[in-house]
Amino acid sequence: MGRYDDEREVELDDEQAVLPDQTADDTDAGWGERHQDNDDRLLADRPPHWD
């Protein structure tokens, strides 16, 4: 029987590069768009019964 990847021991050190949580192409700029902060518009559009 061969060894499986699940059974393989991997040594980790602190000097290895860690991948980012989000890639550059997964952002507004990556899609060619400007960052839009519409929190103010969303708060202004709240229904009156939410207050």
Protein backbone atom coordinates (compact mmCIF):
# COMPACT_ATOMS: atom_id res chain seq x y z
CA MET A 1 0.00 0.00 0.00
CA GLY A 2 1.24 3.50 -0.81
CA ARG A 3 1.31 6.44 1.55
CA TYR A 4 -1.52 8.95 1.35
CA ASP A 5 -1.21 12.73 1.61
CA ASP A 6 -3.35 12.67 4.77
CA GLU A 7 -0.73 10.53 6.47
CA ARG A 8 2.26 12.57 5.26
CA GLU A 9 3.99 14.72 7.85
CA VAL A 10 4.65 18.31 6.83
CA GLU A 11 7.08 20.48 8.73
CA LEU A 12 6.02 24.13 8.97
CA ASP A 13 8.21 27.03 9.92
CA ASP A 14 7.35 30.64 10.66
CA GLU A 15 9.25 31.93 7.62
CA GLN A 16 6.86 30.47 5.05
CA ALA A 17 4.68 32.98 3.22
CA VAL A 18 1.01 32.96 4.13
CA LEU A 19 -1.61 33.50 1.45
CA PRO A 20 -3.79 36.60 1.82
CA ASP A 21 -7.47 36.23 2.80
CA GLN A 22 -8.55 38.05 -0.36
CA THR A 23 -6.81 38.22 -3.72
CA ALA A 24 -6.38 41.45 -5.65
CA ASP A 25 -8.76 40.32 -8.40
CA ASP A 26 -11.48 39.70 -5.80
CA THR A 27 -11.78 43.40 -4.98
CA ASP A 28 -13.62 46.32 -6.57
CA ALA A 29 -10.35 47.55 -8.07
CA GLY A 30 -9.67 44.09 -9.49
CA TRP A 31 -12.96 44.26 -11.36
CA GLY A 32 -12.16 47.76 -12.63
CA GLU A 33 -14.62 49.46 -10.29
CA ARG A 34 -14.16 52.16 -7.71
CA HIS A 35 -14.80 51.39 -4.06
CA GLN A 36 -18.33 52.47 -3.22
CA ASP A 37 -19.34 53.06 0.35
CA ASN A 38 -23.11 53.19 0.36
CA ASP A 39 -23.70 52.83 4.10
CA ASP A 40 -25.15 56.35 4.30
CA ARG A 41 -27.62 55.60 1.49
CA LEU A 42 -28.62 52.31 3.07
CA LEU A 43 -29.20 53.95 6.45
CA ALA A 44 -31.27 56.71 4.82
CA ASP A 45 -33.40 54.11 3.01
CA ARG A 46 -34.33 52.31 6.21
CA PRO A 47 -38.06 51.81 6.67
CA PRO A 48 -39.62 53.98 9.40
CA HIS A 49 -40.70 50.97 11.46
CA TRP A 50 -37.01 50.02 12.01
CA ASP A 51 -36.44 53.07 14.22
